[in-house]
Protein backbone atom coordinates (compact mmCIF):
# COMPACT_ATOMS: atom_id res chain seq x y z
CA MET A 1 161.23 -7.87 -247.85
CA GLY A 2 159.69 -10.75 -246.20
CA GLN A 3 158.53 -9.52 -242.58
CA ASP A 4 155.47 -10.26 -241.61
CA LYS A 5 155.34 -8.10 -238.39
CA PRO A 6 154.89 -3.94 -238.37
CA THR A 7 158.01 -4.03 -236.08
CA GLY A 8 160.44 -5.84 -238.45
CA ARG A 9 159.06 -3.88 -241.36
CA VAL A 10 160.28 -0.51 -239.01
CA LEU A 11 164.14 -1.74 -238.35
CA ALA A 12 163.85 -3.15 -242.49
CA LEU A 13 163.30 0.38 -243.34
CA LEU A 14 166.09 1.89 -240.60
CA GLU A 15 168.55 -0.49 -242.97
CA LEU A 16 167.73 1.01 -245.58
CA LEU A 17 167.90 4.50 -244.72
CA GLN A 18 171.34 3.59 -243.71
CA SER A 19 172.40 2.08 -246.72
CA GLN A 20 171.62 4.60 -249.19
CA ALA A 21 171.73 8.68 -248.98
CA LEU A 22 168.19 9.08 -250.36
CA LEU A 23 165.05 6.91 -251.39
CA ARG A 24 162.46 7.82 -252.63
CA GLY A 25 159.39 7.66 -250.97
CA PRO A 26 157.68 5.07 -253.70
CA GLU A 27 160.79 2.95 -253.87
CA LEU A 28 160.94 2.36 -250.14
CA ALA A 29 157.31 1.52 -249.89
CA ARG A 30 157.55 -1.11 -253.10
CA ARG A 31 160.59 -2.66 -251.39
CA LEU A 32 158.84 -2.96 -247.88
CA ASP A 33 156.00 -4.27 -249.59
CA VAL A 34 153.69 -1.27 -247.73
CA ASP A 35 151.66 1.79 -249.38
CA ALA A 36 152.48 5.18 -248.92
CA ARG A 37 150.06 5.48 -245.81
CA THR A 38 151.82 2.55 -243.75
CA LEU A 39 155.29 3.96 -244.90
CA ARG A 40 154.96 7.33 -243.33
CA ARG A 41 153.26 5.88 -240.47
CA TYR A 42 156.72 3.65 -240.00
CA ILE A 43 158.95 6.98 -240.76
CA VAL A 44 157.00 8.77 -237.86
CA HIS A 45 157.83 5.61 -235.59
CA LEU A 46 161.41 5.98 -236.33
CA SER A 47 161.59 9.34 -235.21
CA ASN A 48 159.56 8.66 -232.13
CA LEU A 49 162.61 5.96 -231.50
CA GLY A 50 165.09 9.36 -231.62
CA VAL A 51 166.28 8.47 -235.03
CA PRO A 52 166.55 11.73 -237.36
CA VAL A 53 164.68 10.97 -240.27
CA GLN A 54 164.58 13.72 -242.81
CA ALA A 55 161.91 14.55 -245.50
CA GLN A 56 162.81 16.19 -248.82
CA ARG A 57 160.11 17.21 -251.20
CA GLY A 58 159.93 17.59 -254.91
CA ARG A 59 160.30 15.50 -257.99
CA ASP A 60 163.75 14.39 -256.43
CA GLY A 61 162.63 14.15 -252.92
CA GLY A 62 162.33 11.22 -250.86
CA TYR A 63 163.94 10.07 -247.06
CA ARG A 64 167.31 10.16 -245.71
CA LEU A 65 169.00 9.96 -241.94
CA ARG A 66 170.35 13.16 -241.14
CA PRO A 67 173.96 13.64 -242.36
CA GLY A 68 176.62 12.85 -239.66
CA PHE A 69 173.82 10.90 -237.63
CA LYS A 70 175.42 7.28 -236.52
CA LEU A 71 173.14 4.44 -235.12
CA PRO A 72 173.80 3.25 -231.68
CA PRO A 73 174.90 -0.21 -231.20
CA MET A 74 171.54 -1.61 -229.62
CA MET A 75 168.00 -0.57 -230.75
CA PHE A 76 165.13 -1.16 -228.53
CA THR A 77 161.38 -1.07 -229.17
CA THR A 78 159.15 0.78 -226.30
CA ASP A 79 158.21 -3.11 -224.70
CA GLU A 80 162.04 -3.55 -224.54
CA ALA A 81 162.56 -0.34 -222.72
CA LEU A 82 160.03 -1.26 -220.72
CA ALA A 83 161.45 -4.55 -219.82
CA LEU A 84 164.96 -3.10 -219.04
CA GLY A 85 163.68 -0.19 -217.09
CA MET A 86 161.61 -2.20 -214.59
CA GLY A 87 164.25 -5.00 -214.57
CA LEU A 88 166.96 -2.15 -213.78
CA ARG A 89 164.57 -0.69 -211.30
CA ALA A 90 163.27 -4.10 -209.37
CA ALA A 91 167.37 -5.53 -209.24
CA ARG A 92 168.26 -1.87 -207.52
CA GLU A 93 165.42 -2.09 -204.72
CA LEU A 94 166.45 -6.05 -204.06
CA GLY A 95 169.57 -4.65 -202.63
CA LEU A 96 171.94 -7.51 -203.28
CA ASP A 97 175.22 -7.35 -201.72
CA GLY A 98 177.46 -6.57 -204.68
CA ILE A 99 175.40 -6.28 -207.19
CA LEU A 100 174.53 -2.14 -207.39
CA PRO A 101 177.88 -1.08 -208.89
CA ALA A 102 176.83 -3.36 -212.05
CA ILE A 103 172.89 -2.08 -212.34
CA SER A 104 174.48 1.56 -212.04
CA SER A 105 177.34 0.27 -214.95
CA THR A 106 174.75 -1.47 -216.76
CA GLN A 107 171.80 1.81 -216.83
CA ALA A 108 175.27 4.34 -217.87
CA LYS A 109 175.81 2.31 -220.77
CA LEU A 110 172.20 1.97 -222.02
CA GLU A 111 171.75 5.74 -221.42
CA ARG A 112 174.77 5.87 -223.69
CA VAL A 113 172.76 4.31 -226.60
CA MET A 114 169.31 4.34 -225.83
CA PRO A 115 167.71 7.33 -228.01
CA GLN A 116 166.60 10.36 -226.43
CA GLY A 117 162.86 9.43 -226.42
CA LEU A 118 163.01 6.03 -224.93
CA HIS A 119 165.72 7.26 -222.46
CA ARG A 120 162.82 9.92 -221.45
CA ARG A 121 160.58 7.33 -220.68
CA ILE A 122 162.27 5.17 -218.74
CA ALA A 123 163.44 8.26 -216.38
CA ASP A 124 159.85 8.70 -216.11
CA LEU A 125 159.65 5.48 -214.90
CA ASN A 126 162.67 5.49 -212.60
CA GLU A 127 160.93 8.65 -210.87
CA VAL A 128 157.40 7.55 -210.16
CA VAL A 129 157.03 4.30 -210.16
CA THR A 130 157.64 2.14 -206.95
CA LEU A 131 158.03 -1.62 -206.72
CA ASP A 132 156.96 -3.63 -203.81
CA THR A 133 159.78 -6.54 -204.30
CA ARG A 134 158.57 -9.03 -201.97
CA ARG A 135 157.66 -12.55 -203.16
CA HIS A 136 154.25 -13.54 -204.22
CA GLY A 137 152.13 -16.34 -204.60
CA ALA A 138 150.69 -17.93 -208.23
CA GLY A 139 148.16 -15.40 -208.25
CA GLN A 140 150.63 -12.81 -209.00
CA ARG A 141 149.51 -11.14 -212.40
CA GLN A 142 151.34 -10.51 -215.62
CA LEU A 143 152.26 -7.27 -217.78
CA GLY A 144 148.98 -7.36 -219.49
CA SER A 145 148.60 -5.64 -222.77
CA GLY A 146 146.62 -3.08 -221.07
CA ILE A 147 148.91 -2.53 -218.11
CA LYS A 148 151.68 -2.68 -220.55
CA ASP A 149 150.25 0.06 -222.69
CA CYS A 150 149.27 2.78 -220.26
CA LEU A 151 152.22 2.34 -217.92
CA PRO A 152 154.49 4.67 -219.94
CA ALA A 153 151.71 7.27 -220.80
CA LEU A 154 150.95 7.33 -217.02
CA SER A 155 154.58 7.32 -215.99
CA ALA A 156 155.33 10.43 -218.41
CA ALA A 157 151.97 12.36 -216.72
CA THR A 158 153.07 11.56 -213.11
CA ARG A 159 156.13 12.98 -213.74
CA ALA A 160 154.83 16.20 -215.90
CA GLN A 161 152.17 16.32 -213.17
CA GLN A 162 149.84 16.43 -215.57
CA ARG A 163 146.15 15.71 -215.37
CA VAL A 164 144.47 12.67 -216.69
CA ASN A 165 141.28 11.28 -217.87
CA LEU A 166 140.52 7.87 -217.04
CA ASP A 167 138.04 5.27 -218.75
CA TYR A 168 137.76 3.30 -215.40
CA LEU A 169 136.23 0.42 -214.93
CA ALA A 170 135.18 -0.92 -211.43
CA GLY A 171 135.40 -4.06 -209.31
CA ASP A 172 131.69 -4.22 -209.32
CA GLY A 173 130.96 -3.31 -212.70
CA GLU A 174 130.39 0.47 -212.80
CA SER A 175 131.97 2.33 -215.75
CA SER A 176 133.23 5.92 -215.38
CA GLU A 177 135.05 8.83 -216.56
CA ARG A 178 137.53 10.36 -213.92
CA ALA A 179 140.03 13.67 -214.18
CA VAL A 180 142.86 12.39 -212.32
CA ASP A 181 146.04 14.12 -210.88
CA PRO A 182 148.39 10.94 -210.81
CA TYR A 183 150.72 10.94 -207.81
CA GLY A 184 152.54 7.97 -208.08
CA LEU A 185 152.18 4.06 -209.78
CA ALA A 186 152.94 1.29 -207.11
CA LEU A 187 153.73 -2.24 -208.09
CA ARG A 188 151.98 -4.44 -205.16
CA GLY A 189 150.81 -7.62 -204.01
CA GLY A 190 151.37 -8.74 -207.73
CA ALA A 191 149.12 -6.08 -209.35
CA TRP A 192 149.70 -2.27 -210.70
CA TYR A 193 148.13 0.61 -209.01
CA LEU A 194 147.57 4.22 -209.50
CA VAL A 195 147.13 6.43 -206.89
CA GLY A 196 145.87 9.98 -207.31
CA TYR A 197 143.77 12.90 -206.46
CA CYS A 198 140.22 12.28 -208.05
CA HIS A 199 137.85 15.16 -209.26
CA LEU A 200 135.10 12.70 -209.65
CA ARG A 201 135.12 12.10 -205.80
CA GLN A 202 137.13 15.08 -204.82
CA ASP A 203 139.37 12.90 -202.63
CA LEU A 204 142.50 10.65 -202.99
CA ARG A 205 141.54 7.13 -204.87
CA THR A 206 143.60 4.21 -205.99
CA PHE A 207 142.92 3.03 -209.39
CA ARG A 208 144.26 -0.47 -210.97
CA LEU A 209 145.72 -0.56 -214.05
CA ASP A 210 144.21 -3.11 -215.55
CA ARG A 211 140.72 -1.45 -214.81
CA ILE A 212 141.90 1.28 -216.92
CA ARG A 213 140.39 1.11 -220.32
CA ALA A 214 141.12 4.13 -222.06
CA LEU A 215 143.33 7.62 -220.69
CA GLN A 216 144.10 10.98 -222.19
CA ALA A 217 146.49 13.37 -220.90
CA LEU A 218 144.70 16.65 -220.04
CA PRO A 219 145.56 20.42 -220.85
CA ALA A 220 145.81 20.69 -216.66
CA SER A 221 148.60 20.59 -214.37
CA PHE A 222 148.72 19.76 -210.24
CA ALA A 223 151.10 20.28 -207.54
CA ARG A 224 151.69 16.78 -206.34
CA PRO A 225 152.12 17.08 -202.68
CA GLN A 226 155.62 16.94 -201.24
CA ASN A 227 156.98 13.66 -199.65
CA PHE A 228 153.65 11.77 -200.49
CA ASP A 229 154.45 7.91 -200.18
CA VAL A 230 152.79 5.96 -202.66
CA GLN A 231 153.34 2.69 -200.79
CA GLN A 232 152.57 3.48 -197.81
CA HIS A 233 148.71 5.41 -199.16
CA LEU A 234 148.75 2.13 -201.37
CA SER A 235 148.87 -0.28 -197.75
CA GLU A 236 146.37 1.80 -196.05
CA ALA A 237 143.85 1.62 -198.82
CA ILE A 238 144.23 -1.95 -199.36
CA ALA A 239 143.99 -2.50 -195.26
CA THR A 240 141.10 -0.24 -195.10
CA LEU A 241 138.87 -1.93 -198.02
CA PRO A 242 135.29 -2.87 -197.26
CA ARG A 243 135.37 -6.77 -197.71
CA ASN A 244 133.42 -9.38 -195.88
CA HIS A 245 134.20 -9.92 -192.31
CA THR A 246 135.44 -6.86 -189.84
CA VAL A 247 137.98 -8.40 -187.84
CA GLU A 248 139.41 -7.08 -184.29
CA LEU A 249 142.51 -8.63 -182.61
CA LEU A 250 144.89 -7.85 -179.05
CA ILE A 251 148.37 -8.94 -179.96
CA LYS A 252 150.51 -9.68 -176.88
CA ALA A 253 153.15 -8.04 -178.35
CA ASP A 254 155.31 -4.55 -178.82
CA LEU A 255 154.11 -2.44 -181.73
CA ALA A 256 157.35 -2.97 -183.57
CA GLN A 257 157.68 -6.62 -183.47
CA ALA A 258 153.59 -6.77 -184.69
CA GLN A 259 154.89 -4.33 -187.48
CA ALA A 260 158.43 -6.50 -188.35
CA TRP A 261 155.56 -9.84 -188.64
CA ILE A 262 152.50 -8.25 -190.39
CA ALA A 263 152.13 -7.41 -193.59
CA PRO A 264 150.97 -2.79 -193.85
CA GLU A 265 148.02 -3.94 -196.09
CA LEU A 266 146.38 -6.92 -194.17
CA GLY A 267 145.04 -4.11 -191.30
CA GLN A 268 145.68 -1.25 -189.24
CA LEU A 269 148.17 -1.61 -185.97
CA SER A 270 147.76 0.95 -183.16
CA SER A 271 149.18 0.51 -179.31
CA THR A 272 146.91 -0.14 -176.62
CA ARG A 273 147.15 -1.23 -173.29
CA GLY A 274 147.89 -4.80 -172.61
CA GLY A 275 149.63 -4.72 -176.66
CA VAL A 276 148.59 -4.00 -180.27
CA ARG A 277 145.30 -3.40 -181.74
CA LEU A 278 144.44 -4.99 -185.34
CA ASN A 279 141.90 -3.85 -187.03
CA ALA A 280 141.07 -5.51 -190.57
CA GLN A 281 138.75 -6.47 -193.45
CA ILE A 282 139.07 -10.36 -194.61
CA ASP A 283 136.99 -12.18 -197.04
CA ALA A 284 137.71 -15.38 -195.82
CA LEU A 285 138.01 -16.60 -192.15
CA PRO A 286 139.74 -19.97 -192.67
CA ALA A 287 142.58 -18.32 -195.18
CA PHE A 288 143.05 -15.76 -191.97
CA ALA A 289 143.04 -18.54 -189.10
CA ARG A 290 145.77 -19.97 -191.30
CA GLU A 291 147.64 -16.61 -191.35
CA LEU A 292 147.00 -16.56 -187.37
CA ALA A 293 148.68 -19.73 -187.11
CA ALA A 294 151.77 -18.46 -188.42
CA TRP A 295 152.26 -15.77 -186.30
CA PRO A 296 155.33 -15.94 -183.57
CA PHE A 297 153.48 -14.06 -180.39
CA ALA A 298 150.05 -14.97 -178.70
CA PHE A 299 146.90 -12.92 -179.60
CA LYS A 300 143.35 -12.89 -178.33
CA ILE A 301 140.16 -12.49 -180.64
CA ILE A 302 137.89 -9.93 -179.77
CA LYS A 303 135.67 -10.16 -182.84
CA PRO A 304 134.33 -11.90 -184.77
CA ILE A 305 133.33 -15.22 -182.76
CA ALA A 306 133.16 -17.07 -185.96
CA LEU A 307 136.93 -16.52 -186.49
CA ARG A 308 137.74 -18.39 -183.15
CA ARG A 309 135.84 -21.31 -184.88
CA ALA A 310 137.80 -21.35 -187.77
CA LEU A 311 140.66 -21.08 -186.08
CA ALA A 312 139.77 -24.14 -184.23
CA ALA A 313 138.67 -25.94 -187.26
CA HIS A 314 142.08 -25.00 -188.60
CA ALA A 315 144.26 -26.04 -185.21
CA GLN A 316 142.23 -29.74 -185.44
CA ALA A 317 142.91 -30.38 -189.04
CA LEU A 318 146.73 -29.82 -188.03
CA LEU A 319 146.27 -32.38 -185.07
CA ASP A 320 144.54 -34.89 -187.27
CA LEU A 321 147.93 -34.39 -189.81
CA ALA A 322 150.02 -35.20 -187.00
CA SER A 323 148.47 -38.05 -185.88
């Protein structure tokens, strides 16, 4: 058939099955230029996509589509379904005026033509994935092949409340095997995260999807806490990660004003006498000084003293540019 990629051969197989009532296995394999084992794998792939391929054994046996089956006008690979599901979900959460009816109608059209298996994958994503749709800088990570492979599997396990086993590589290079009850998935700060109960640590933990090297669904279920807020937990987890510097500020504003301006993952805010207290963990003082310079309200640096010097250096650099 001249197809170079497996996906092309699978689509060619589908075209052949549509063209004739029954085709023998050797003939299909010859026309696709594959061996019998590969042909069986392609048949399984079509079945997973919701195409009802029937196998008839015996001398005159072969493969055919279920009688009466009508192929939808559109077929989607797993990657395409993932892209469509995430795209519609992101568009919905952006809340653009006038676009929500179009999103709903598009979703309805896709559901009518999409095979049941892919429909279920998108339903999993819609139920358990949350997206932080704020704009991020150039450091935003792409949906790499590792994330793309594990995201549908984790979505299905999360929705079914099924425990998974993770082969996980931590940021410090430590490798571990962990049984995890997945509570939810989220995109935040340009990275994908899994939040769940880790049986190794006996506590809630957050895992970066790009650090999951392998995963396996386990024959064990769990009960997810009701009204569990994945984004809120993720914000608190990121804000309290140990970093190079511990920062404490007194902000001259009320709590609502501070929360409206300061990203929750930056640190923990609490009302106190004279304003709002910010406790944060940061990696670089100069970068944080630049962040402070953009704030619309006054503040007092309680610690560290080095942050005052970094802020003064940034202010002097601005003065030099102005002059």
